[in-house]
Amino acid sequence: MYSFSGMMADRFGPAPLIAVGSILVAVAFGLLGLTAPLHNVWFAVMPCIVLLGLGMGLVVSPLSTAVMTSVTDSDTGVASGVNNAVARVAGLMAVALLGVVVASVFEQALGSAAELPIFFGMAAPGLSPSEEAARLTATDAAFASVTYVTAVLSLVSAAIAWWTLERKPVKRAGSPATP
């Protein structure tokens, strides 16, 4: 079965789809950061996740196709292995580095309450209302910081895709076909 994004990549090249998909991902992450204080799954988080899914749907297939078609047929196994290994290592590094961002922002946002037994995202029993509010505010700030970093990285990805990957000219109706 052939995917929609695969058909579009054949028609326009991988650059536009990956760039547009990465921009959608960036918008989704930016909106997640903006809506974090709302704590509303259905009206804040869910629409952002749907947008994120649409963006990733535009990115993944053309990216894999671009990798696999950039090498000779005899090297597709190696290209697939390298593509998977790079994706796994990049994912591990992103989780580790963004964990550092979360910890740093969370601690800074807590300020003097950082000495309390408070952890990112976890309710702590026995906190006063002001301490609980500080924990919630720090959690929102840490989450938002990660979404903003991810949004910026997605925009960088869109620019890199646009400038480095193949774009096919759009054929106009009535124009002669090129061989």
Protein backbone atom coordinates (compact mmCIF):
# COMPACT_ATOMS: atom_id res chain seq x y z
CA MET A 1 0.00 0.00 0.00
CA TYR A 2 1.27 3.43 -0.90
CA SER A 3 0.92 6.28 1.58
CA PHE A 4 -0.43 9.74 0.86
CA SER A 5 2.86 11.32 1.89
CA GLY A 6 4.71 8.85 -0.34
CA MET A 7 2.61 9.90 -3.33
CA MET A 8 3.15 13.57 -2.53
CA ALA A 9 6.90 13.01 -2.15
CA ASP A 10 6.97 11.41 -5.60
CA ARG A 11 5.15 14.41 -7.04
CA PHE A 12 6.88 17.29 -5.22
CA GLY A 13 10.05 15.72 -3.81
CA PRO A 14 10.75 15.10 -0.12
CA ALA A 15 11.78 18.68 0.80
CA PRO A 16 8.33 20.34 0.80
CA LEU A 17 6.67 17.54 2.76
CA ILE A 18 9.41 17.27 5.36
CA ALA A 19 9.57 21.07 5.70
CA VAL A 20 5.80 21.48 6.03
CA GLY A 21 5.58 18.50 8.38
CA SER A 22 8.37 19.90 10.55
CA ILE A 23 6.65 23.28 10.67
CA LEU A 24 3.42 21.59 11.79
CA VAL A 25 5.39 19.76 14.48
CA ALA A 26 6.95 23.06 15.59
CA VAL A 27 3.54 24.73 15.79
CA ALA A 28 2.17 21.79 17.78
CA PHE A 29 5.02 21.93 20.28
CA GLY A 30 4.75 25.71 20.55
CA LEU A 31 1.04 25.43 21.26
CA LEU A 32 1.66 22.70 23.82
CA GLY A 33 4.00 25.07 25.65
CA LEU A 34 1.51 27.92 25.52
CA THR A 35 -1.39 25.78 26.72
CA ALA A 36 0.49 23.90 29.46
CA PRO A 37 -0.92 26.07 32.28
CA LEU A 38 -4.47 25.24 31.16
CA HIS A 39 -4.13 21.60 32.23
CA ASN A 40 -6.91 20.69 29.84
CA VAL A 41 -6.39 17.41 28.01
CA TRP A 42 -9.32 17.64 25.60
CA PHE A 43 -9.17 21.28 24.51
CA ALA A 44 -5.46 22.03 24.83
CA VAL A 45 -3.38 18.87 24.65
CA MET A 46 -5.44 16.70 22.27
CA PRO A 47 -5.60 19.20 19.37
CA CYS A 48 -1.85 19.79 19.69
CA ILE A 49 -1.16 16.05 19.62
CA VAL A 50 -3.38 15.63 16.54
CA LEU A 51 -1.44 18.42 14.81
CA LEU A 52 1.82 16.79 15.92
CA GLY A 53 0.67 13.48 14.43
CA LEU A 54 -0.23 15.12 11.13
CA GLY A 55 3.17 16.79 10.98
CA MET A 56 5.03 13.59 11.77
CA GLY A 57 2.94 11.78 9.18
CA LEU A 58 4.27 14.19 6.58
CA VAL A 59 7.87 13.80 7.79
CA VAL A 60 8.50 10.11 8.41
CA SER A 61 7.69 8.47 5.06
CA PRO A 62 9.44 11.03 2.82
CA LEU A 63 12.45 11.07 5.13
CA SER A 64 12.82 7.28 4.96
CA THR A 65 12.33 7.41 1.21
CA ALA A 66 14.94 10.16 0.84
CA VAL A 67 17.45 8.10 2.82
CA MET A 68 16.79 4.89 0.94
CA THR A 69 16.83 6.45 -2.53
CA SER A 70 20.04 8.37 -1.89
CA VAL A 71 22.14 5.20 -2.10
CA THR A 72 22.62 2.46 -4.65
CA ASP A 73 20.42 -0.62 -4.44
CA SER A 74 23.31 -2.67 -3.07
CA ASP A 75 23.71 -0.25 -0.14
CA THR A 76 20.06 0.00 0.97
CA GLY A 77 20.58 -2.43 3.85
CA VAL A 78 23.43 -0.35 5.22
CA ALA A 79 21.46 2.87 4.68
CA SER A 80 18.48 1.43 6.54
CA GLY A 81 20.69 0.31 9.43
CA VAL A 82 22.44 3.67 9.66
CA ASN A 83 19.11 5.52 9.46
CA ASN A 84 17.69 3.43 12.32
CA ALA A 85 20.84 3.70 14.44
CA VAL A 86 21.02 7.47 14.02
CA ALA A 87 17.32 7.81 14.89
CA ARG A 88 17.77 5.74 18.07
CA VAL A 89 20.90 7.56 19.22
CA ALA A 90 19.33 10.95 18.46
CA GLY A 91 16.27 9.97 20.48
CA LEU A 92 18.40 8.91 23.43
CA MET A 93 20.42 12.13 23.29
CA ALA A 94 17.27 14.25 23.02
CA VAL A 95 15.72 12.60 26.08
CA ALA A 96 18.90 13.05 28.09
CA LEU A 97 19.55 16.66 27.06
CA LEU A 98 15.92 17.71 27.43
CA GLY A 99 15.94 16.05 30.85
CA VAL A 100 18.72 18.45 31.80
CA VAL A 101 16.59 21.36 30.54
CA VAL A 102 13.59 20.14 32.58
CA ALA A 103 15.62 19.73 35.75
CA SER A 104 17.30 23.11 35.40
CA VAL A 105 14.15 25.09 34.60
CA PHE A 106 12.12 23.24 37.25
CA GLU A 107 14.67 23.99 39.97
CA GLN A 108 15.05 27.64 38.93
CA ALA A 109 11.27 28.12 38.80
CA LEU A 110 10.87 26.65 42.29
CA GLY A 111 13.24 29.23 43.72
CA SER A 112 13.37 28.93 47.51
CA ALA A 113 10.92 25.99 47.42
CA ALA A 114 13.62 23.91 45.69
CA GLU A 115 14.70 22.69 49.13
CA LEU A 116 11.35 20.93 49.62
CA PRO A 117 10.82 17.30 48.58
CA ILE A 118 9.18 18.34 45.29
CA PHE A 119 9.76 16.54 42.00
CA PHE A 120 8.86 17.44 38.43
CA GLY A 121 5.30 16.51 37.59
CA MET A 122 4.63 14.59 40.80
CA ALA A 123 2.18 15.71 43.46
CA ALA A 124 3.82 15.89 46.87
CA PRO A 125 1.72 15.19 49.96
CA GLY A 126 1.75 17.70 52.77
CA LEU A 127 2.51 20.83 50.74
CA SER A 128 0.86 24.09 51.66
CA PRO A 129 -1.36 25.66 48.97
CA SER A 130 1.38 28.16 48.10
CA GLU A 131 4.00 25.38 47.85
CA GLU A 132 1.65 23.32 45.66
CA ALA A 133 1.08 26.37 43.44
CA ALA A 134 4.87 26.84 43.16
CA ARG A 135 5.26 23.14 42.24
CA LEU A 136 2.57 23.43 39.57
CA THR A 137 4.04 26.63 38.15
CA ALA A 138 7.54 25.12 38.06
CA THR A 139 6.22 21.98 36.36
CA ASP A 140 4.42 24.08 33.73
CA ALA A 141 7.55 26.17 33.13
CA ALA A 142 9.77 23.11 32.75
CA PHE A 143 7.32 21.41 30.39
CA ALA A 144 6.91 24.57 28.32
CA SER A 145 10.68 25.04 28.06
CA VAL A 146 11.04 21.57 26.56
CA THR A 147 8.24 22.18 24.08
CA TYR A 148 9.79 25.49 23.00
CA VAL A 149 13.24 23.92 22.53
CA THR A 150 11.64 21.14 20.50
CA ALA A 151 9.67 23.66 18.44
CA VAL A 152 12.85 25.56 17.57
CA LEU A 153 14.65 22.34 16.65
CA SER A 154 11.70 21.38 14.43
CA LEU A 155 11.94 24.73 12.64
CA VAL A 156 15.68 24.16 12.13
CA SER A 157 14.82 20.74 10.70
CA ALA A 158 12.32 22.32 8.31
CA ALA A 159 14.94 24.78 7.06
CA ILE A 160 17.55 22.07 6.62
CA ALA A 161 15.08 19.87 4.73
CA TRP A 162 14.01 22.73 2.49
CA TRP A 163 17.56 23.72 1.56
CA THR A 164 19.18 20.29 1.29
CA LEU A 165 16.58 17.87 -0.07
CA GLU A 166 15.14 17.48 -3.53
CA ARG A 167 12.22 19.62 -4.69
CA LYS A 168 10.49 18.76 -7.94
CA PRO A 169 9.01 21.51 -10.08
CA VAL A 170 5.22 21.58 -10.16
CA LYS A 171 3.87 20.69 -13.58
CA ARG A 172 1.26 23.16 -14.83
CA ALA A 173 -1.83 22.00 -16.69
CA GLY A 174 -1.32 22.32 -20.43
CA SER A 175 2.48 22.46 -20.20
CA PRO A 176 4.43 19.96 -22.26
CA ALA A 177 5.50 16.83 -20.41
CA THR A 178 9.21 16.40 -19.86
CA PRO A 179 10.74 12.98 -20.41
